[in-house]
Amino acid sequence: IFHWKDPEELFALAHFIAATRPGYDLAHFEAEAPTAHPKVTVMNIPA
């Protein structure tokens, strides 16, 4: 998403929920994405 068209406007329009499965490498996600972004929440879902 951070490489999509008009990413700043995306975050102005919606809150983003990033769904992960058990075993997903959250460290990789946190290294790549500004999870501190107030409009992004990580949600764990069952496997």
All heavy atoms as atom14 arrays in JSON, in Angstrom:
{
  "sequence": "IFHWKDPEELFALAHFIAATRPGYDLAHFEAEAPTAHPKVTVMNIPA",
  "atom14_mask": [
    [1, 1, 1, 1, 1, 1, 1, 1, 0, 0, 0, 0, 0, 0],
    [1, 1, 1, 1, 1, 1, 1, 1, 1, 1, 1, 0, 0, 0],
    [1, 1, 1, 1, 1, 1, 1, 1, 1, 1, 0, 0, 0, 0],
    [1, 1, 1, 1, 1, 1, 1, 1, 1, 1, 1, 1, 1, 1],
    [1, 1, 1, 1, 1, 1, 1, 1, 1, 0, 0, 0, 0, 0],
    [1, 1, 1, 1, 1, 1, 1, 1, 0, 0, 0, 0, 0, 0],
    [1, 1, 1, 1, 1, 1, 1, 0, 0, 0, 0, 0, 0, 0],
    [1, 1, 1, 1, 1, 1, 1, 1, 1, 0, 0, 0, 0, 0],
    [1, 1, 1, 1, 1, 1, 1, 1, 1, 0, 0, 0, 0, 0],
    [1, 1, 1, 1, 1, 1, 1, 1, 0, 0, 0, 0, 0, 0],
    [1, 1, 1, 1, 1, 1, 1, 1, 1, 1, 1, 0, 0, 0],
    [1, 1, 1, 1, 1, 0, 0, 0, 0, 0, 0, 0, 0, 0],
    [1, 1, 1, 1, 1, 1, 1, 1, 0, 0, 0, 0, 0, 0],
    [1, 1, 1, 1, 1, 0, 0, 0, 0, 0, 0, 0, 0, 0],
    [1, 1, 1, 1, 1, 1, 1, 1, 1, 1, 0, 0, 0, 0],
    [1, 1, 1, 1, 1, 1, 1, 1, 1, 1, 1, 0, 0, 0],
    [1, 1, 1, 1, 1, 1, 1, 1, 0, 0, 0, 0, 0, 0],
    [1, 1, 1, 1, 1, 0, 0, 0, 0, 0, 0, 0, 0, 0],
    [1, 1, 1, 1, 1, 0, 0, 0, 0, 0, 0, 0, 0, 0],
    [1, 1, 1, 1, 1, 1, 1, 0, 0, 0, 0, 0, 0, 0],
    [1, 1, 1, 1, 1, 1, 1, 1, 1, 1, 1, 0, 0, 0],
    [1, 1, 1, 1, 1, 1, 1, 0, 0, 0, 0, 0, 0, 0],
    [1, 1, 1, 1, 0, 0, 0, 0, 0, 0, 0, 0, 0, 0],
    [1, 1, 1, 1, 1, 1, 1, 1, 1, 1, 1, 1, 0, 0],
    [1, 1, 1, 1, 1, 1, 1, 1, 0, 0, 0, 0, 0, 0],
    [1, 1, 1, 1, 1, 1, 1, 1, 0, 0, 0, 0, 0, 0],
    [1, 1, 1, 1, 1, 0, 0, 0, 0, 0, 0, 0, 0, 0],
    [1, 1, 1, 1, 1, 1, 1, 1, 1, 1, 0, 0, 0, 0],
    [1, 1, 1, 1, 1, 1, 1, 1, 1, 1, 1, 0, 0, 0],
    [1, 1, 1, 1, 1, 1, 1, 1, 1, 0, 0, 0, 0, 0],
    [1, 1, 1, 1, 1, 0, 0, 0, 0, 0, 0, 0, 0, 0],
    [1, 1, 1, 1, 1, 1, 1, 1, 1, 0, 0, 0, 0, 0],
    [1, 1, 1, 1, 1, 0, 0, 0, 0, 0, 0, 0, 0, 0],
    [1, 1, 1, 1, 1, 1, 1, 0, 0, 0, 0, 0, 0, 0],
    [1, 1, 1, 1, 1, 1, 1, 0, 0, 0, 0, 0, 0, 0],
    [1, 1, 1, 1, 1, 0, 0, 0, 0, 0, 0, 0, 0, 0],
    [1, 1, 1, 1, 1, 1, 1, 1, 1, 1, 0, 0, 0, 0],
    [1, 1, 1, 1, 1, 1, 1, 0, 0, 0, 0, 0, 0, 0],
    [1, 1, 1, 1, 1, 1, 1, 1, 1, 0, 0, 0, 0, 0],
    [1, 1, 1, 1, 1, 1, 1, 0, 0, 0, 0, 0, 0, 0],
    [1, 1, 1, 1, 1, 1, 1, 0, 0, 0, 0, 0, 0, 0],
    [1, 1, 1, 1, 1, 1, 1, 0, 0, 0, 0, 0, 0, 0],
    [1, 1, 1, 1, 1, 1, 1, 1, 0, 0, 0, 0, 0, 0],
    [1, 1, 1, 1, 1, 1, 1, 1, 0, 0, 0, 0, 0, 0],
    [1, 1, 1, 1, 1, 1, 1, 1, 0, 0, 0, 0, 0, 0],
    [1, 1, 1, 1, 1, 1, 1, 0, 0, 0, 0, 0, 0, 0],
    [1, 1, 1, 1, 1, 0, 0, 0, 0, 0, 0, 0, 0, 0]
  ],
  "atom14_positions": [
    [[0.82, -1.22, 0.0], [0.0, 0.0, 0.0], [0.86, 1.26, 0.0], [0.5, 2.26, -0.6], [-0.99, -0.02, 1.19], [-2.13, -0.98, 0.87], [-1.53, 1.37, 1.5], [-3.08, -1.23, 2.0], [0.0, 0.0, 0.0], [0.0, 0.0, 0.0], [0.0, 0.0, 0.0], [0.0, 0.0, 0.0], [0.0, 0.0, 0.0], [0.0, 0.0, 0.0]],
    [[1.99, 1.18, 0.66], [2.85, 2.37, 0.73], [3.43, 2.73, -0.64], [3.97, 3.8, -0.82], [3.95, 2.15, 1.78], [3.38, 1.89, 3.15], [3.35, 0.61, 3.68], [2.8, 2.92, 3.89], [2.78, 0.37, 4.93], [2.23, 2.68, 5.13], [2.22, 1.4, 5.65], [0.0, 0.0, 0.0], [0.0, 0.0, 0.0], [0.0, 0.0, 0.0]],
    [[3.25, 1.82, -1.62], [3.7, 2.09, -2.99], [2.51, 2.28, -3.93], [2.69, 2.41, -5.13], [4.57, 0.94, -3.5], [5.7, 0.61, -2.58], [6.77, 1.46, -2.38], [5.91, -0.46, -1.77], [7.59, 0.91, -1.49], [7.09, -0.24, -1.11], [0.0, 0.0, 0.0], [0.0, 0.0, 0.0], [0.0, 0.0, 0.0], [0.0, 0.0, 0.0]],
    [[1.3, 2.26, -3.38], [0.1, 2.43, -4.2], [-0.05, 3.89, -4.6], [0.64, 4.77, -4.09], [-1.14, 1.98, -3.44], [-1.26, 0.48, -3.28], [-0.37, -0.47, -3.67], [-2.35, -0.22, -2.67], [-0.82, -1.71, -3.33], [-2.04, -1.6, -2.72], [-3.55, 0.17, -2.08], [-2.89, -2.57, -2.22], [-4.4, -0.81, -1.57], [-4.06, -2.16, -1.65]],
    [[-1.04, 4.12, -5.47], [-1.35, 5.47, -5.92], [-1.87, 6.3, -4.74], [-2.75, 5.87, -4.01], [-2.41, 5.38, -7.02], [-2.76, 6.7, -7.67], [-3.87, 6.51, -8.72], [-4.31, 7.85, -9.24], [-5.61, 7.77, -9.91], [0.0, 0.0, 0.0], [0.0, 0.0, 0.0], [0.0, 0.0, 0.0], [0.0, 0.0, 0.0], [0.0, 0.0, 0.0]],
    [[-1.29, 7.49, -4.52], [-1.72, 8.45, -3.49], [-1.85, 7.85, -2.09], [-2.92, 7.91, -1.47], [-3.08, 9.09, -3.89], [-3.02, 9.78, -5.25], [-1.95, 10.31, -5.6], [-4.04, 9.77, -5.96], [0.0, 0.0, 0.0], [0.0, 0.0, 0.0], [0.0, 0.0, 0.0], [0.0, 0.0, 0.0], [0.0, 0.0, 0.0], [0.0, 0.0, 0.0]],
    [[-0.75, 7.28, -1.53], [-0.86, 6.61, -0.23], [-1.31, 7.53, 0.9], [-2.06, 7.11, 1.78], [0.55, 6.05, 0.01], [1.44, 6.79, -0.92], [0.61, 7.2, -2.08], [0.0, 0.0, 0.0], [0.0, 0.0, 0.0], [0.0, 0.0, 0.0], [0.0, 0.0, 0.0], [0.0, 0.0, 0.0], [0.0, 0.0, 0.0], [0.0, 0.0, 0.0]],
    [[-0.89, 8.78, 0.89], [-1.3, 9.67, 1.99], [-2.81, 9.92, 1.97], [-3.45, 9.98, 3.01], [-0.53, 11.0, 1.94], [0.9, 10.88, 2.47], [1.01, 10.08, 3.77], [0.3, 10.41, 4.75], [1.79, 9.11, 3.81], [0.0, 0.0, 0.0], [0.0, 0.0, 0.0], [0.0, 0.0, 0.0], [0.0, 0.0, 0.0], [0.0, 0.0, 0.0]],
    [[-3.37, 10.03, 0.77], [-4.83, 10.21, 0.69], [-5.55, 8.96, 1.15], [-6.62, 9.03, 1.77], [-5.27, 10.58, -0.73], [-6.75, 10.93, -0.76], [-7.28, 11.35, -2.13], [-6.49, 11.53, -3.06], [-8.51, 11.5, -2.22], [0.0, 0.0, 0.0], [0.0, 0.0, 0.0], [0.0, 0.0, 0.0], [0.0, 0.0, 0.0], [0.0, 0.0, 0.0]],
    [[-4.98, 7.79, 0.87], [-5.58, 6.54, 1.34], [-5.79, 6.58, 2.85], [-6.86, 6.26, 3.35], [-4.68, 5.34, 0.99], [-4.65, 4.87, -0.45], [-3.56, 3.84, -0.65], [-6.0, 4.29, -0.85], [0.0, 0.0, 0.0], [0.0, 0.0, 0.0], [0.0, 0.0, 0.0], [0.0, 0.0, 0.0], [0.0, 0.0, 0.0], [0.0, 0.0, 0.0]],
    [[-4.75, 7.0, 3.56], [-4.82, 7.03, 5.03], [-5.74, 8.14, 5.54], [-6.26, 8.06, 6.64], [-3.43, 7.15, 5.64], [-2.59, 5.92, 5.42], [-1.48, 5.95, 4.61], [-2.95, 4.71, 6.0], [-0.73, 4.81, 4.39], [-2.21, 3.56, 5.78], [-1.09, 3.61, 4.97], [0.0, 0.0, 0.0], [0.0, 0.0, 0.0], [0.0, 0.0, 0.0]],
    [[-5.96, 9.15, 4.72], [-6.92, 10.2, 5.1], [-8.35, 9.69, 4.94], [-9.26, 10.13, 5.65], [-6.71, 11.44, 4.24], [0.0, 0.0, 0.0], [0.0, 0.0, 0.0], [0.0, 0.0, 0.0], [0.0, 0.0, 0.0], [0.0, 0.0, 0.0], [0.0, 0.0, 0.0], [0.0, 0.0, 0.0], [0.0, 0.0, 0.0], [0.0, 0.0, 0.0]],
    [[-8.56, 8.73, 4.02], [-9.9, 8.23, 3.72], [-10.34, 7.08, 4.62], [-11.53, 6.9, 4.85], [-9.97, 7.78, 2.26], [-9.9, 8.88, 1.2], [-9.61, 8.29, -0.17], [-11.22, 9.66, 1.17], [0.0, 0.0, 0.0], [0.0, 0.0, 0.0], [0.0, 0.0, 0.0], [0.0, 0.0, 0.0], [0.0, 0.0, 0.0], [0.0, 0.0, 0.0]],
    [[-9.39, 6.26, 5.09], [-9.77, 5.05, 5.84], [-8.72, 4.67, 6.86], [-7.55, 5.03, 6.74], [-9.99, 3.9, 4.86], [0.0, 0.0, 0.0], [0.0, 0.0, 0.0], [0.0, 0.0, 0.0], [0.0, 0.0, 0.0], [0.0, 0.0, 0.0], [0.0, 0.0, 0.0], [0.0, 0.0, 0.0], [0.0, 0.0, 0.0], [0.0, 0.0, 0.0]],
    [[-9.18, 3.88, 7.84], [-8.28, 3.22, 8.79], [-7.94, 1.87, 8.16], [-8.82, 1.23, 7.59], [-8.99, 3.02, 10.14], [-8.1, 2.47, 11.19], [-7.5, 3.26, 12.14], [-7.68, 1.2, 11.43], [-6.76, 2.5, 12.93], [-6.86, 1.25, 12.51], [0.0, 0.0, 0.0], [0.0, 0.0, 0.0], [0.0, 0.0, 0.0], [0.0, 0.0, 0.0]],
    [[-6.7, 1.45, 8.21], [-6.28, 0.19, 7.58], [-6.08, -0.91, 8.61], [-5.42, -0.7, 9.62], [-5.01, 0.41, 6.74], [-5.3, 1.07, 5.43], [-5.65, 2.41, 5.36], [-5.3, 0.32, 4.25], [-5.96, 3.01, 4.15], [-5.61, 0.92, 3.03], [-5.94, 2.26, 2.99], [0.0, 0.0, 0.0], [0.0, 0.0, 0.0], [0.0, 0.0, 0.0]],
    [[-6.68, -2.07, 8.32], [-6.55, -3.25, 9.19], [-5.7, -4.27, 8.43], [-6.09, -4.73, 7.35], [-7.93, -3.85, 9.51], [-8.81, -2.82, 10.23], [-7.78, -5.12, 10.34], [-10.27, -3.23, 10.37], [0.0, 0.0, 0.0], [0.0, 0.0, 0.0], [0.0, 0.0, 0.0], [0.0, 0.0, 0.0], [0.0, 0.0, 0.0], [0.0, 0.0, 0.0]],
    [[-4.52, -4.58, 8.96], [-3.61, -5.53, 8.33], [-3.78, -6.89, 9.01], [-3.4, -7.06, 10.17], [-2.17, -5.05, 8.46], [0.0, 0.0, 0.0], [0.0, 0.0, 0.0], [0.0, 0.0, 0.0], [0.0, 0.0, 0.0], [0.0, 0.0, 0.0], [0.0, 0.0, 0.0], [0.0, 0.0, 0.0], [0.0, 0.0, 0.0], [0.0, 0.0, 0.0]],
    [[-4.37, -7.84, 8.3], [-4.67, -9.16, 8.87], [-3.46, -10.08, 8.73], [-2.85, -10.16, 7.67], [-5.88, -9.76, 8.16], [0.0, 0.0, 0.0], [0.0, 0.0, 0.0], [0.0, 0.0, 0.0], [0.0, 0.0, 0.0], [0.0, 0.0, 0.0], [0.0, 0.0, 0.0], [0.0, 0.0, 0.0], [0.0, 0.0, 0.0], [0.0, 0.0, 0.0]],
    [[-3.13, -10.76, 9.82], [-2.02, -11.72, 9.8], [-2.5, -13.07, 10.3], [-3.45, -13.15, 11.07], [-0.85, -11.29, 10.71], [-1.26, -11.38, 12.07], [-0.39, -9.89, 10.4], [0.0, 0.0, 0.0], [0.0, 0.0, 0.0], [0.0, 0.0, 0.0], [0.0, 0.0, 0.0], [0.0, 0.0, 0.0], [0.0, 0.0, 0.0], [0.0, 0.0, 0.0]],
    [[-1.82, -14.12, 9.85], [-2.11, -15.48, 10.3], [-1.04, -15.89, 11.3], [0.06, -15.35, 11.29], [-2.07, -16.45, 9.12], [-3.19, -16.27, 8.14], [-3.19, -17.42, 7.14], [-2.27, -17.15, 6.03], [-2.66, -16.75, 4.84], [-3.92, -16.56, 4.59], [-1.78, -16.54, 3.89], [0.0, 0.0, 0.0], [0.0, 0.0, 0.0], [0.0, 0.0, 0.0]],
    [[-1.34, -16.88, 12.18], [-0.31, -17.4, 13.08], [0.9, -17.86, 12.26], [0.74, -18.44, 11.19], [-0.99, -18.58, 13.77], [-2.45, -18.25, 13.72], [-2.64, -17.51, 12.42], [0.0, 0.0, 0.0], [0.0, 0.0, 0.0], [0.0, 0.0, 0.0], [0.0, 0.0, 0.0], [0.0, 0.0, 0.0], [0.0, 0.0, 0.0], [0.0, 0.0, 0.0]],
    [[2.08, -17.55, 12.75], [3.29, -17.92, 12.03], [3.77, -16.82, 11.1], [4.87, -16.89, 10.57], [0.0, 0.0, 0.0], [0.0, 0.0, 0.0], [0.0, 0.0, 0.0], [0.0, 0.0, 0.0], [0.0, 0.0, 0.0], [0.0, 0.0, 0.0], [0.0, 0.0, 0.0], [0.0, 0.0, 0.0], [0.0, 0.0, 0.0], [0.0, 0.0, 0.0]],
    [[2.95, -15.79, 10.91], [3.37, -14.67, 10.06], [4.48, -13.9, 10.77], [4.41, -13.66, 11.98], [2.19, -13.74, 9.76], [2.58, -12.58, 8.86], [2.62, -12.75, 7.48], [2.92, -11.35, 9.38], [2.98, -11.71, 6.64], [3.29, -10.29, 8.54], [3.32, -10.49, 7.18], [3.69, -9.46, 6.36], [0.0, 0.0, 0.0], [0.0, 0.0, 0.0]],
    [[5.51, -13.53, 10.04], [6.66, -12.84, 10.63], [6.34, -11.35, 10.83], [6.56, -10.54, 9.94], [7.88, -13.02, 9.72], [9.14, -12.4, 10.32], [9.08, -11.91, 11.47], [10.19, -12.43, 9.65], [0.0, 0.0, 0.0], [0.0, 0.0, 0.0], [0.0, 0.0, 0.0], [0.0, 0.0, 0.0], [0.0, 0.0, 0.0], [0.0, 0.0, 0.0]],
    [[5.83, -11.02, 12.01], [5.47, -9.64, 12.29], [6.68, -8.72, 12.32], [6.58, -7.54, 12.01], [4.74, -9.54, 13.65], [3.22, -9.49, 13.6], [2.66, -9.3, 15.0], [2.7, -8.39, 12.68], [0.0, 0.0, 0.0], [0.0, 0.0, 0.0], [0.0, 0.0, 0.0], [0.0, 0.0, 0.0], [0.0, 0.0, 0.0], [0.0, 0.0, 0.0]],
    [[7.85, -9.27, 12.68], [9.06, -8.46, 12.71], [9.36, -7.92, 11.31], [9.75, -6.76, 11.15], [10.24, -9.28, 13.21], [0.0, 0.0, 0.0], [0.0, 0.0, 0.0], [0.0, 0.0, 0.0], [0.0, 0.0, 0.0], [0.0, 0.0, 0.0], [0.0, 0.0, 0.0], [0.0, 0.0, 0.0], [0.0, 0.0, 0.0], [0.0, 0.0, 0.0]],
    [[9.14, -8.76, 10.3], [9.35, -8.35, 8.9], [8.38, -7.21, 8.57], [8.76, -6.22, 7.98], [9.12, -9.54, 7.97], [8.99, -9.18, 6.53], [10.05, -8.72, 5.78], [7.92, -9.17, 5.69], [9.64, -8.47, 4.55], [8.35, -8.72, 4.47], [0.0, 0.0, 0.0], [0.0, 0.0, 0.0], [0.0, 0.0, 0.0], [0.0, 0.0, 0.0]],
    [[7.12, -7.37, 8.98], [6.11, -6.35, 8.71], [6.48, -5.04, 9.38], [6.43, -3.98, 8.78], [4.73, -6.84, 9.19], [3.62, -5.86, 8.94], [3.07, -5.72, 7.68], [3.12, -5.06, 9.96], [2.05, -4.82, 7.42], [2.11, -4.15, 9.72], [1.57, -4.03, 8.46], [0.0, 0.0, 0.0], [0.0, 0.0, 0.0], [0.0, 0.0, 0.0]],
    [[6.86, -5.12, 10.65], [7.19, -3.91, 11.41], [8.43, -3.22, 10.86], [8.54, -2.0, 10.92], [7.35, -4.25, 12.9], [5.98, -4.5, 13.55], [6.06, -5.27, 14.85], [7.17, -5.65, 15.27], [4.98, -5.5, 15.42], [0.0, 0.0, 0.0], [0.0, 0.0, 0.0], [0.0, 0.0, 0.0], [0.0, 0.0, 0.0], [0.0, 0.0, 0.0]],
    [[9.35, -4.0, 10.3], [10.56, -3.41, 9.71], [10.23, -2.66, 8.42], [10.84, -1.64, 8.11], [11.59, -4.49, 9.44], [0.0, 0.0, 0.0], [0.0, 0.0, 0.0], [0.0, 0.0, 0.0], [0.0, 0.0, 0.0], [0.0, 0.0, 0.0], [0.0, 0.0, 0.0], [0.0, 0.0, 0.0], [0.0, 0.0, 0.0], [0.0, 0.0, 0.0]],
    [[9.26, -3.19, 7.68], [8.93, -2.64, 6.36], [7.87, -1.55, 6.41], [7.85, -0.66, 5.58], [8.41, -3.76, 5.45], [9.43, -4.84, 5.14], [10.45, -4.4, 4.13], [10.09, -3.64, 3.22], [11.62, -4.78, 4.28], [0.0, 0.0, 0.0], [0.0, 0.0, 0.0], [0.0, 0.0, 0.0], [0.0, 0.0, 0.0], [0.0, 0.0, 0.0]],
    [[6.94, -1.64, 7.37], [5.79, -0.74, 7.39], [5.8, 0.14, 8.63], [6.15, -0.32, 9.71], [4.49, -1.56, 7.38], [0.0, 0.0, 0.0], [0.0, 0.0, 0.0], [0.0, 0.0, 0.0], [0.0, 0.0, 0.0], [0.0, 0.0, 0.0], [0.0, 0.0, 0.0], [0.0, 0.0, 0.0], [0.0, 0.0, 0.0], [0.0, 0.0, 0.0]],
    [[5.42, 1.39, 8.48], [5.32, 2.25, 9.66], [4.08, 1.88, 10.47], [3.04, 2.51, 10.36], [5.22, 3.65, 9.07], [4.74, 3.46, 7.68], [5.11, 2.09, 7.24], [0.0, 0.0, 0.0], [0.0, 0.0, 0.0], [0.0, 0.0, 0.0], [0.0, 0.0, 0.0], [0.0, 0.0, 0.0], [0.0, 0.0, 0.0], [0.0, 0.0, 0.0]],
    [[4.19, 0.8, 11.29], [3.03, 0.36, 12.07], [2.65, 1.41, 13.11], [1.57, 1.38, 13.64], [3.3, -0.97, 12.79], [4.55, -0.87, 13.46], [3.31, -2.12, 11.82], [0.0, 0.0, 0.0], [0.0, 0.0, 0.0], [0.0, 0.0, 0.0], [0.0, 0.0, 0.0], [0.0, 0.0, 0.0], [0.0, 0.0, 0.0], [0.0, 0.0, 0.0]],
    [[3.57, 2.31, 13.38], [3.24, 3.38, 14.3], [2.27, 4.35, 13.65], [1.74, 5.24, 14.3], [4.51, 4.11, 14.71], [0.0, 0.0, 0.0], [0.0, 0.0, 0.0], [0.0, 0.0, 0.0], [0.0, 0.0, 0.0], [0.0, 0.0, 0.0], [0.0, 0.0, 0.0], [0.0, 0.0, 0.0], [0.0, 0.0, 0.0], [0.0, 0.0, 0.0]],
    [[2.05, 4.18, 12.35], [1.1, 5.02, 11.64], [-0.24, 4.91, 12.36], [-0.74, 3.81, 12.59], [0.97, 4.55, 10.18], [0.37, 5.59, 9.28], [-0.93, 6.01, 9.41], [0.89, 6.29, 8.25], [-1.19, 6.92, 8.49], [-0.1, 7.11, 7.76], [0.0, 0.0, 0.0], [0.0, 0.0, 0.0], [0.0, 0.0, 0.0], [0.0, 0.0, 0.0]],
    [[-0.83, 6.02, 12.75], [-2.07, 5.95, 13.55], [-3.24, 5.33, 12.81], [-4.23, 4.96, 13.42], [-2.35, 7.42, 13.88], [-1.61, 8.21, 12.85], [-0.41, 7.39, 12.48], [0.0, 0.0, 0.0], [0.0, 0.0, 0.0], [0.0, 0.0, 0.0], [0.0, 0.0, 0.0], [0.0, 0.0, 0.0], [0.0, 0.0, 0.0], [0.0, 0.0, 0.0]],
    [[-3.13, 5.18, 11.49], [-4.24, 4.64, 10.72], [-4.02, 3.17, 10.31], [-4.65, 2.68, 9.39], [-4.46, 5.49, 9.46], [-5.02, 6.88, 9.71], [-6.42, 6.8, 10.29], [-7.34, 7.94, 9.96], [-7.96, 8.0, 8.69], [0.0, 0.0, 0.0], [0.0, 0.0, 0.0], [0.0, 0.0, 0.0], [0.0, 0.0, 0.0], [0.0, 0.0, 0.0]],
    [[-3.08, 2.46, 10.97], [-2.84, 1.05, 10.66], [-2.91, 0.24, 11.95], [-2.25, 0.55, 12.93], [-1.45, 0.82, 10.01], [-1.2, -0.66, 9.75], [-1.31, 1.62, 8.72], [0.0, 0.0, 0.0], [0.0, 0.0, 0.0], [0.0, 0.0, 0.0], [0.0, 0.0, 0.0], [0.0, 0.0, 0.0], [0.0, 0.0, 0.0], [0.0, 0.0, 0.0]],
    [[-3.75, -0.81, 11.94], [-3.85, -1.71, 13.07], [-3.62, -3.13, 12.57], [-4.18, -3.52, 11.54], [-5.25, -1.65, 13.73], [-5.54, -0.3, 14.07], [-5.32, -2.51, 14.98], [0.0, 0.0, 0.0], [0.0, 0.0, 0.0], [0.0, 0.0, 0.0], [0.0, 0.0, 0.0], [0.0, 0.0, 0.0], [0.0, 0.0, 0.0], [0.0, 0.0, 0.0]],
    [[-2.8, -3.9, 13.29], [-2.57, -5.3, 12.93], [-3.64, -6.14, 13.62], [-3.91, -5.95, 14.81], [-1.15, -5.75, 13.34], [-0.97, -7.25, 13.12], [-0.09, -4.97, 12.57], [0.0, 0.0, 0.0], [0.0, 0.0, 0.0], [0.0, 0.0, 0.0], [0.0, 0.0, 0.0], [0.0, 0.0, 0.0], [0.0, 0.0, 0.0], [0.0, 0.0, 0.0]],
    [[-4.25, -7.06, 12.89], [-5.28, -7.94, 13.43], [-4.86, -9.38, 13.18], [-4.62, -9.79, 12.04], [-6.62, -7.66, 12.74], [-7.72, -8.63, 13.12], [-9.28, -8.35, 12.2], [-8.86, -8.98, 10.58], [0.0, 0.0, 0.0], [0.0, 0.0, 0.0], [0.0, 0.0, 0.0], [0.0, 0.0, 0.0], [0.0, 0.0, 0.0], [0.0, 0.0, 0.0]],
    [[-4.74, -10.16, 14.25], [-4.42, -11.58, 14.1], [-5.71, -12.36, 13.86], [-6.71, -12.14, 14.53], [-3.74, -12.11, 15.36], [-2.33, -11.55, 15.48], [-1.52, -11.7, 14.59], [-2.06, -10.87, 16.58], [0.0, 0.0, 0.0], [0.0, 0.0, 0.0], [0.0, 0.0, 0.0], [0.0, 0.0, 0.0], [0.0, 0.0, 0.0], [0.0, 0.0, 0.0]],
    [[-5.66, -13.28, 12.89], [-6.81, -14.14, 12.63], [-6.38, -15.59, 12.79], [-5.19, -15.9, 12.68], [-7.43, -13.9, 11.23], [-6.38, -14.13, 10.14], [-8.07, -12.55, 11.13], [-6.97, -14.21, 8.76], [0.0, 0.0, 0.0], [0.0, 0.0, 0.0], [0.0, 0.0, 0.0], [0.0, 0.0, 0.0], [0.0, 0.0, 0.0], [0.0, 0.0, 0.0]],
    [[-7.33, -16.5, 13.05], [-6.97, -17.91, 13.21], [-6.31, -18.46, 11.95], [-6.49, -17.93, 10.86], [-8.33, -18.59, 13.44], [-9.23, -17.51, 13.93], [-8.75, -16.24, 13.28], [0.0, 0.0, 0.0], [0.0, 0.0, 0.0], [0.0, 0.0, 0.0], [0.0, 0.0, 0.0], [0.0, 0.0, 0.0], [0.0, 0.0, 0.0], [0.0, 0.0, 0.0]],
    [[-5.58, -19.54, 12.13], [-4.84, -20.14, 11.0], [-5.79, -20.72, 9.97], [-6.65, -21.52, 10.29], [-3.92, -21.24, 11.53], [0.0, 0.0, 0.0], [0.0, 0.0, 0.0], [0.0, 0.0, 0.0], [0.0, 0.0, 0.0], [0.0, 0.0, 0.0], [0.0, 0.0, 0.0], [0.0, 0.0, 0.0], [0.0, 0.0, 0.0], [0.0, 0.0, 0.0]]
  ]
}
